[in-house]
Every structure is written in C-alpha cells, then in structure tokens.
Amino acid sequence: MGISDTPELPSVAAAVCGMTQLGHGHIPALRSAVETFGADRLVLGTDFPYENGDIFVRAIDYIFASGITTDAETILEE
C-alpha cells in the first residue's frame, strides 16, 4: 500500500491521533511535538514499570522544566 492508497493525507490523520510525549527527557523533542501536533494531542508516556523511582519522576519533571507550563498541564491532564 503506497501513500496514494491511503484515505487521507498523513498530516490529516496525525491531527486526530493521540500521541505519547515520551521523549526521554529531550526538551527540544517535546517542544517540537507541542508545536507540530498541539499539547491537546499529547499524553504522558513513560516506560513504566521498566522505568520507576527517580527515572519515572524525571519523565514528568522534564515536561515542566521545558518551559511549556500551560501545555505541560494539558499533557498531564489527559
């Protein structure tokens, strides 16, 4: 199946999909995802239970450390 066989453009499909924000603490990736898809399309993503304790806490803390405070609250509420 090629792109010409899909019922809609990938950009249209991405606009209605939910996506995890799992970026392994990489703030530029998180900011790019917010800018590209919108915070309302992102949900908290972790590798829990494989990552737990301090690593799990960092998966949440880096969202706030990114400086996208309002968007961070949106991501964590979903």
C-alpha atoms as a PDB file:
ATOM      1  CA  MET A   1       0.000   0.000   0.000  1.00  0.00           C
ATOM      2  CA  GLY A   2       1.502   3.330  -1.027  1.00  0.00           C
ATOM      3  CA  ILE A   3       0.682   6.824   0.140  1.00  0.00           C
ATOM      4  CA  SER A   4      -1.643   7.232  -2.842  1.00  0.00           C
ATOM      5  CA  ASP A   5      -3.748   4.353  -1.452  1.00  0.00           C
ATOM      6  CA  THR A   6      -4.402   5.944   1.935  1.00  0.00           C
ATOM      7  CA  PRO A   7      -7.808   7.521   2.508  1.00  0.00           C
ATOM      8  CA  GLU A   8      -6.308  10.763   3.800  1.00  0.00           C
ATOM      9  CA  LEU A   9      -3.011  12.575   3.989  1.00  0.00           C
ATOM     10  CA  PRO A  10      -0.749  11.643   6.930  1.00  0.00           C
ATOM     11  CA  SER A  11      -0.947  15.256   8.126  1.00  0.00           C
ATOM     12  CA  VAL A  12      -4.731  14.942   8.369  1.00  0.00           C
ATOM     13  CA  ALA A  13      -4.541  11.599  10.189  1.00  0.00           C
ATOM     14  CA  ALA A  14      -1.951  12.981  12.646  1.00  0.00           C
ATOM     15  CA  ALA A  15      -4.288  15.822  13.562  1.00  0.00           C
ATOM     16  CA  VAL A  16      -6.797  13.401  15.096  1.00  0.00           C
ATOM     17  CA  CYS A  17      -4.412  10.897  16.689  1.00  0.00           C
ATOM     18  CA  GLY A  18      -3.306  10.981  20.290  1.00  0.00           C
ATOM     19  CA  MET A  19       0.427  10.687  20.800  1.00  0.00           C
ATOM     20  CA  THR A  20       2.566   9.967  23.801  1.00  0.00           C
ATOM     21  CA  GLN A  21       5.059  12.622  24.800  1.00  0.00           C
ATOM     22  CA  LEU A  22       7.723  10.053  25.678  1.00  0.00           C
ATOM     23  CA  GLY A  23      10.885  11.887  24.682  1.00  0.00           C
ATOM     24  CA  HIS A  24      13.295  10.502  27.247  1.00  0.00           C
ATOM     25  CA  GLY A  25      13.853  13.960  28.702  1.00  0.00           C
ATOM     26  CA  HIS A  26      14.779  15.607  25.407  1.00  0.00           C
ATOM     27  CA  ILE A  27      13.207  19.059  25.750  1.00  0.00           C
ATOM     28  CA  PRO A  28      13.626  20.076  22.075  1.00  0.00           C
ATOM     29  CA  ALA A  29      11.695  16.957  21.017  1.00  0.00           C
ATOM     30  CA  LEU A  30       8.874  17.791  23.428  1.00  0.00           C
ATOM     31  CA  ARG A  31       8.693  21.404  22.232  1.00  0.00           C
ATOM     32  CA  SER A  32       8.657  20.233  18.621  1.00  0.00           C
ATOM     33  CA  ALA A  33       5.810  17.811  19.328  1.00  0.00           C
ATOM     34  CA  VAL A  34       3.787  20.565  21.017  1.00  0.00           C
ATOM     35  CA  GLU A  35       4.420  22.941  18.107  1.00  0.00           C
ATOM     36  CA  THR A  36       3.661  20.302  15.483  1.00  0.00           C
ATOM     37  CA  PHE A  37       0.681  18.477  16.958  1.00  0.00           C
ATOM     38  CA  GLY A  38      -0.530  20.645  19.852  1.00  0.00           C
ATOM     39  CA  ALA A  39      -0.425  19.826  23.549  1.00  0.00           C
ATOM     40  CA  ASP A  40      -4.015  18.597  23.435  1.00  0.00           C
ATOM     41  CA  ARG A  41      -2.896  15.699  21.197  1.00  0.00           C
ATOM     42  CA  LEU A  42      -0.142  14.590  23.592  1.00  0.00           C
ATOM     43  CA  VAL A  43      -0.480  12.368  26.641  1.00  0.00           C
ATOM     44  CA  LEU A  44       2.027  11.355  29.285  1.00  0.00           C
ATOM     45  CA  GLY A  45       4.145   8.470  28.083  1.00  0.00           C
ATOM     46  CA  THR A  46       6.674   6.502  30.111  1.00  0.00           C
ATOM     47  CA  ASP A  47       8.277   3.101  30.068  1.00  0.00           C
ATOM     48  CA  PHE A  48       6.720   2.331  33.474  1.00  0.00           C
ATOM     49  CA  PRO A  49       7.102  -0.209  35.082  1.00  0.00           C
ATOM     50  CA  TYR A  50      10.505  -0.625  33.452  1.00  0.00           C
ATOM     51  CA  GLU A  51      11.389   2.893  34.488  1.00  0.00           C
ATOM     52  CA  ASN A  52      10.458   3.583  38.074  1.00  0.00           C
ATOM     53  CA  GLY A  53      11.601   5.638  41.020  1.00  0.00           C
ATOM     54  CA  ASP A  54      13.709   8.663  40.106  1.00  0.00           C
ATOM     55  CA  ILE A  55      13.652   7.823  36.396  1.00  0.00           C
ATOM     56  CA  PHE A  56       9.836   7.830  36.401  1.00  0.00           C
ATOM     57  CA  VAL A  57       9.762  11.149  38.281  1.00  0.00           C
ATOM     58  CA  ARG A  58      12.151  12.684  35.715  1.00  0.00           C
ATOM     59  CA  ALA A  59       9.757  11.626  32.942  1.00  0.00           C
ATOM     60  CA  ILE A  60       7.247  14.053  34.439  1.00  0.00           C
ATOM     61  CA  ASP A  61       9.590  16.735  35.757  1.00  0.00           C
ATOM     62  CA  TYR A  62      11.195  17.370  32.379  1.00  0.00           C
ATOM     63  CA  ILE A  63       7.810  18.390  30.991  1.00  0.00           C
ATOM     64  CA  PHE A  64       7.692  21.270  33.467  1.00  0.00           C
ATOM     65  CA  ALA A  65      11.416  22.001  33.035  1.00  0.00           C
ATOM     66  CA  SER A  66      10.784  22.535  29.309  1.00  0.00           C
ATOM     67  CA  GLY A  67       9.161  25.903  29.972  1.00  0.00           C
ATOM     68  CA  ILE A  68       5.827  24.959  28.397  1.00  0.00           C
ATOM     69  CA  THR A  69       3.917  25.331  31.664  1.00  0.00           C
ATOM     70  CA  THR A  70       0.379  25.696  30.311  1.00  0.00           C
ATOM     71  CA  ASP A  71       0.962  22.975  27.749  1.00  0.00           C
ATOM     72  CA  ALA A  72       2.540  20.759  30.423  1.00  0.00           C
ATOM     73  CA  GLU A  73      -0.649  20.881  32.451  1.00  0.00           C
ATOM     74  CA  THR A  74      -2.656  19.959  29.351  1.00  0.00           C
ATOM     75  CA  ILE A  75      -0.380  16.978  28.616  1.00  0.00           C
ATOM     76  CA  LEU A  76      -0.593  15.671  32.190  1.00  0.00           C
ATOM     77  CA  GLU A  77      -4.381  16.100  32.455  1.00  0.00           C
ATOM     78  CA  GLU A  78      -5.228  13.848  29.531  1.00  0.00           C
END
